[in-house]
Amino acid sequence: DKSQFAGKVDPKYLDWGHHKCSHDPKPTLPMIQAMDRWYVEQFAYLLQKVQSIREGDGNLLDQCIVAYGSTNSSGTGNGWPGHSLKDIGCILAGHGGGLLPTTGRQIRYQDGTSLGNLGLTLAQMVGIERKEFGRSTGTLAGLG
């Protein structure tokens, strides 16, 4: 509903999507925040649904690894995220059938770690033999 942004953003921005807003963040920040909130709500909804499905002795989420993230990163240090494949946050949910036995924690990797490293690590964890994934520079220790 565009009316929620009345008086908060210039009307010329009301038809912009998330990606375009992220390139001109100062005047569109309320819109970006609302869109990000919606995406996180959808992620939570998905996890609730997957967790509600019985699977063996547990639920379907116990057997899955669901990743959520964005390529809006810590950016240039001016208080606004920029686009990057490095220094971004991702959420992993589920146990992956035991591949992710420890949950409810934050793991911080060295600044500059590529998002591709997460993809490569997850691929190798599920038995896909790859040496690279996107712009990966290696795998991530401590997930399993």
C-alpha atoms as a PDB file:
ATOM      1  CA  ASP A   1       0.000   0.000   0.000  1.00  0.00           C
ATOM      2  CA  LYS A   2       1.693   3.152  -1.242  1.00  0.00           C
ATOM      3  CA  SER A   3      -0.312   5.399   1.096  1.00  0.00           C
ATOM      4  CA  GLN A   4       1.901   4.329   4.014  1.00  0.00           C
ATOM      5  CA  PHE A   5       4.709   6.362   2.443  1.00  0.00           C
ATOM      6  CA  ALA A   6       2.741   9.610   2.069  1.00  0.00           C
ATOM      7  CA  GLY A   7       4.888  12.421   3.386  1.00  0.00           C
ATOM      8  CA  LYS A   8       7.816  10.028   3.904  1.00  0.00           C
ATOM      9  CA  VAL A   9       9.100   9.750   0.334  1.00  0.00           C
ATOM     10  CA  ASP A  10       8.745  11.855  -2.787  1.00  0.00           C
ATOM     11  CA  PRO A  11       5.873  10.449  -4.896  1.00  0.00           C
ATOM     12  CA  LYS A  12       8.238   9.931  -7.837  1.00  0.00           C
ATOM     13  CA  TYR A  13       9.745   6.976  -5.947  1.00  0.00           C
ATOM     14  CA  LEU A  14       6.478   5.126  -5.256  1.00  0.00           C
ATOM     15  CA  ASP A  15       6.759   2.838  -8.292  1.00  0.00           C
ATOM     16  CA  TRP A  16      10.373   1.903  -7.625  1.00  0.00           C
ATOM     17  CA  GLY A  17      11.202  -1.666  -6.631  1.00  0.00           C
ATOM     18  CA  HIS A  18      13.659  -2.778  -3.974  1.00  0.00           C
ATOM     19  CA  HIS A  19      16.659  -2.923  -6.296  1.00  0.00           C
ATOM     20  CA  LYS A  20      16.159   0.546  -7.736  1.00  0.00           C
ATOM     21  CA  CYS A  21      15.520   2.010  -4.266  1.00  0.00           C
ATOM     22  CA  SER A  22      18.776   0.513  -3.023  1.00  0.00           C
ATOM     23  CA  HIS A  23      20.670   2.631  -5.550  1.00  0.00           C
ATOM     24  CA  ASP A  24      19.152   5.862  -4.215  1.00  0.00           C
ATOM     25  CA  PRO A  25      18.695   5.002  -0.537  1.00  0.00           C
ATOM     26  CA  LYS A  26      18.508   8.338   1.229  1.00  0.00           C
ATOM     27  CA  PRO A  27      15.094   9.363  -0.135  1.00  0.00           C
ATOM     28  CA  THR A  28      13.733   5.817  -0.344  1.00  0.00           C
ATOM     29  CA  LEU A  29      14.832   4.336   2.992  1.00  0.00           C
ATOM     30  CA  PRO A  30      11.272   3.958   4.400  1.00  0.00           C
ATOM     31  CA  MET A  31      10.303   1.954   1.320  1.00  0.00           C
ATOM     32  CA  ILE A  32      13.372  -0.288   1.527  1.00  0.00           C
ATOM     33  CA  GLN A  33      12.717  -0.939   5.211  1.00  0.00           C
ATOM     34  CA  ALA A  34       9.075  -1.846   4.515  1.00  0.00           C
ATOM     35  CA  MET A  35      10.069  -4.199   1.684  1.00  0.00           C
ATOM     36  CA  ASP A  36      12.759  -5.846   3.804  1.00  0.00           C
ATOM     37  CA  ARG A  37      10.254  -6.325   6.635  1.00  0.00           C
ATOM     38  CA  TRP A  38       7.852  -8.009   4.194  1.00  0.00           C
ATOM     39  CA  TYR A  39      10.567 -10.371   2.925  1.00  0.00           C
ATOM     40  CA  VAL A  40      11.518 -11.377   6.474  1.00  0.00           C
ATOM     41  CA  GLU A  41       7.852 -11.976   7.320  1.00  0.00           C
ATOM     42  CA  GLN A  42       7.571 -14.263   4.278  1.00  0.00           C
ATOM     43  CA  PHE A  43      10.711 -16.131   5.356  1.00  0.00           C
ATOM     44  CA  ALA A  44       9.261 -16.639   8.850  1.00  0.00           C
ATOM     45  CA  TYR A  45       5.957 -17.812   7.331  1.00  0.00           C
ATOM     46  CA  LEU A  46       7.785 -20.347   5.151  1.00  0.00           C
ATOM     47  CA  LEU A  47       9.735 -21.684   8.128  1.00  0.00           C
ATOM     48  CA  GLN A  48       6.561 -22.045  10.200  1.00  0.00           C
ATOM     49  CA  LYS A  49       4.846 -23.965   7.402  1.00  0.00           C
ATOM     50  CA  VAL A  50       7.827 -26.257   6.789  1.00  0.00           C
ATOM     51  CA  GLN A  51       8.181 -26.864  10.530  1.00  0.00           C
ATOM     52  CA  SER A  52       4.492 -27.813  10.792  1.00  0.00           C
ATOM     53  CA  ILE A  53       4.903 -30.731   8.369  1.00  0.00           C
ATOM     54  CA  ARG A  54       5.699 -33.995  10.164  1.00  0.00           C
ATOM     55  CA  GLU A  55       8.646 -35.919   8.742  1.00  0.00           C
ATOM     56  CA  GLY A  56       9.812 -39.084  10.441  1.00  0.00           C
ATOM     57  CA  ASP A  57      10.513 -38.452  14.138  1.00  0.00           C
ATOM     58  CA  GLY A  58      10.574 -34.689  13.613  1.00  0.00           C
ATOM     59  CA  ASN A  59       9.435 -32.202  11.045  1.00  0.00           C
ATOM     60  CA  LEU A  60      10.376 -31.216   7.517  1.00  0.00           C
ATOM     61  CA  LEU A  61      12.510 -28.300   8.746  1.00  0.00           C
ATOM     62  CA  ASP A  62      14.696 -30.823  10.559  1.00  0.00           C
ATOM     63  CA  GLN A  63      15.525 -32.287   7.129  1.00  0.00           C
ATOM     64  CA  CYS A  64      16.047 -28.959   5.302  1.00  0.00           C
ATOM     65  CA  ILE A  65      18.533 -26.140   5.141  1.00  0.00           C
ATOM     66  CA  VAL A  66      16.784 -22.908   4.204  1.00  0.00           C
ATOM     67  CA  ALA A  67      18.972 -19.877   3.501  1.00  0.00           C
ATOM     68  CA  TYR A  68      17.881 -16.254   3.570  1.00  0.00           C
ATOM     69  CA  GLY A  69      20.076 -13.320   2.729  1.00  0.00           C
ATOM     70  CA  SER A  70      20.609 -10.303   0.571  1.00  0.00           C
ATOM     71  CA  THR A  71      23.414  -8.731  -1.401  1.00  0.00           C
ATOM     72  CA  ASN A  72      22.934  -5.456   0.449  1.00  0.00           C
ATOM     73  CA  SER A  73      26.092  -5.391   2.506  1.00  0.00           C
ATOM     74  CA  SER A  74      27.933  -3.148   4.915  1.00  0.00           C
ATOM     75  CA  GLY A  75      28.836  -1.133   1.833  1.00  0.00           C
ATOM     76  CA  THR A  76      30.946   1.970   1.766  1.00  0.00           C
ATOM     77  CA  GLY A  77      30.785   2.909   5.438  1.00  0.00           C
ATOM     78  CA  ASN A  78      28.437   5.847   4.854  1.00  0.00           C
ATOM     79  CA  GLY A  79      25.650   4.200   6.835  1.00  0.00           C
ATOM     80  CA  TRP A  80      23.973   2.628   3.847  1.00  0.00           C
ATOM     81  CA  PRO A  81      24.477  -0.874   2.520  1.00  0.00           C
ATOM     82  CA  GLY A  82      25.765  -1.184  -0.974  1.00  0.00           C
ATOM     83  CA  HIS A  83      25.605  -4.113  -3.324  1.00  0.00           C
ATOM     84  CA  SER A  84      28.269  -6.674  -2.652  1.00  0.00           C
ATOM     85  CA  LEU A  85      28.896 -10.377  -2.433  1.00  0.00           C
ATOM     86  CA  LYS A  86      31.013  -9.826   0.666  1.00  0.00           C
ATOM     87  CA  ASP A  87      30.317  -8.805   4.266  1.00  0.00           C
ATOM     88  CA  ILE A  88      26.629  -9.647   4.239  1.00  0.00           C
ATOM     89  CA  GLY A  89      24.434 -11.453   6.695  1.00  0.00           C
ATOM     90  CA  CYS A  90      22.627 -14.698   5.936  1.00  0.00           C
ATOM     91  CA  ILE A  91      20.273 -16.798   8.009  1.00  0.00           C
ATOM     92  CA  LEU A  92      20.383 -20.580   7.815  1.00  0.00           C
ATOM     93  CA  ALA A  93      17.387 -22.411   9.227  1.00  0.00           C
ATOM     94  CA  GLY A  94      16.875 -26.116   9.694  1.00  0.00           C
ATOM     95  CA  HIS A  95      19.157 -28.986  10.575  1.00  0.00           C
ATOM     96  CA  GLY A  96      19.715 -30.443   7.114  1.00  0.00           C
ATOM     97  CA  GLY A  97      19.074 -33.968   8.355  1.00  0.00           C
ATOM     98  CA  GLY A  98      21.894 -33.536  10.875  1.00  0.00           C
ATOM     99  CA  LEU A  99      24.283 -31.583   8.651  1.00  0.00           C
ATOM    100  CA  LEU A 100      23.671 -28.480  10.789  1.00  0.00           C
ATOM    101  CA  PRO A 101      23.496 -29.943  14.290  1.00  0.00           C
ATOM    102  CA  THR A 102      24.126 -26.667  16.136  1.00  0.00           C
ATOM    103  CA  THR A 103      21.611 -23.854  15.621  1.00  0.00           C
ATOM    104  CA  GLY A 104      20.728 -20.607  17.365  1.00  0.00           C
ATOM    105  CA  ARG A 105      24.140 -19.048  17.006  1.00  0.00           C
ATOM    106  CA  GLN A 106      25.929 -16.392  15.026  1.00  0.00           C
ATOM    107  CA  ILE A 107      29.110 -17.176  13.150  1.00  0.00           C
ATOM    108  CA  ARG A 108      31.128 -14.208  11.990  1.00  0.00           C
ATOM    109  CA  TYR A 109      33.662 -14.786   9.250  1.00  0.00           C
ATOM    110  CA  GLN A 110      36.590 -12.605   8.310  1.00  0.00           C
ATOM    111  CA  ASP A 111      35.634  -9.334   6.624  1.00  0.00           C
ATOM    112  CA  GLY A 112      35.654  -9.758   2.877  1.00  0.00           C
ATOM    113  CA  THR A 113      34.413 -13.351   2.930  1.00  0.00           C
ATOM    114  CA  SER A 114      32.506 -14.074  -0.270  1.00  0.00           C
ATOM    115  CA  LEU A 115      28.844 -15.102  -0.249  1.00  0.00           C
ATOM    116  CA  GLY A 116      29.880 -17.759  -2.772  1.00  0.00           C
ATOM    117  CA  ASN A 117      31.738 -19.505   0.056  1.00  0.00           C
ATOM    118  CA  LEU A 118      28.401 -20.233   1.724  1.00  0.00           C
ATOM    119  CA  GLY A 119      27.001 -21.719  -1.481  1.00  0.00           C
ATOM    120  CA  LEU A 120      30.121 -23.830  -1.989  1.00  0.00           C
ATOM    121  CA  THR A 121      30.073 -25.044   1.618  1.00  0.00           C
ATOM    122  CA  LEU A 122      26.392 -26.005   1.488  1.00  0.00           C
ATOM    123  CA  ALA A 123      26.839 -27.767  -1.861  1.00  0.00           C
ATOM    124  CA  GLN A 124      29.740 -29.822  -0.516  1.00  0.00           C
ATOM    125  CA  MET A 125      27.833 -30.593   2.707  1.00  0.00           C
ATOM    126  CA  VAL A 126      25.053 -32.246   0.713  1.00  0.00           C
ATOM    127  CA  GLY A 127      27.506 -34.225  -1.406  1.00  0.00           C
ATOM    128  CA  ILE A 128      27.817 -32.084  -4.515  1.00  0.00           C
ATOM    129  CA  GLU A 129      31.411 -32.178  -5.665  1.00  0.00           C
ATOM    130  CA  ARG A 130      32.318 -28.638  -6.659  1.00  0.00           C
ATOM    131  CA  LYS A 131      35.521 -26.654  -6.407  1.00  0.00           C
ATOM    132  CA  GLU A 132      33.846 -23.263  -6.756  1.00  0.00           C
ATOM    133  CA  PHE A 133      30.483 -21.582  -6.513  1.00  0.00           C
ATOM    134  CA  GLY A 134      30.068 -18.150  -8.044  1.00  0.00           C
ATOM    135  CA  ARG A 135      32.944 -16.037  -6.748  1.00  0.00           C
ATOM    136  CA  SER A 136      33.834 -18.342  -3.887  1.00  0.00           C
ATOM    137  CA  THR A 137      37.327 -18.295  -2.466  1.00  0.00           C
ATOM    138  CA  GLY A 138      36.962 -21.406  -0.315  1.00  0.00           C
ATOM    139  CA  THR A 139      34.600 -22.993   2.176  1.00  0.00           C
ATOM    140  CA  LEU A 140      33.329 -21.844   5.560  1.00  0.00           C
ATOM    141  CA  ALA A 141      34.509 -23.595   8.711  1.00  0.00           C
ATOM    142  CA  GLY A 142      32.196 -24.196  11.646  1.00  0.00           C
ATOM    143  CA  LEU A 143      28.819 -24.742   9.970  1.00  0.00           C
ATOM    144  CA  GLY A 144      28.562 -28.493  10.510  1.00  0.00           C
END
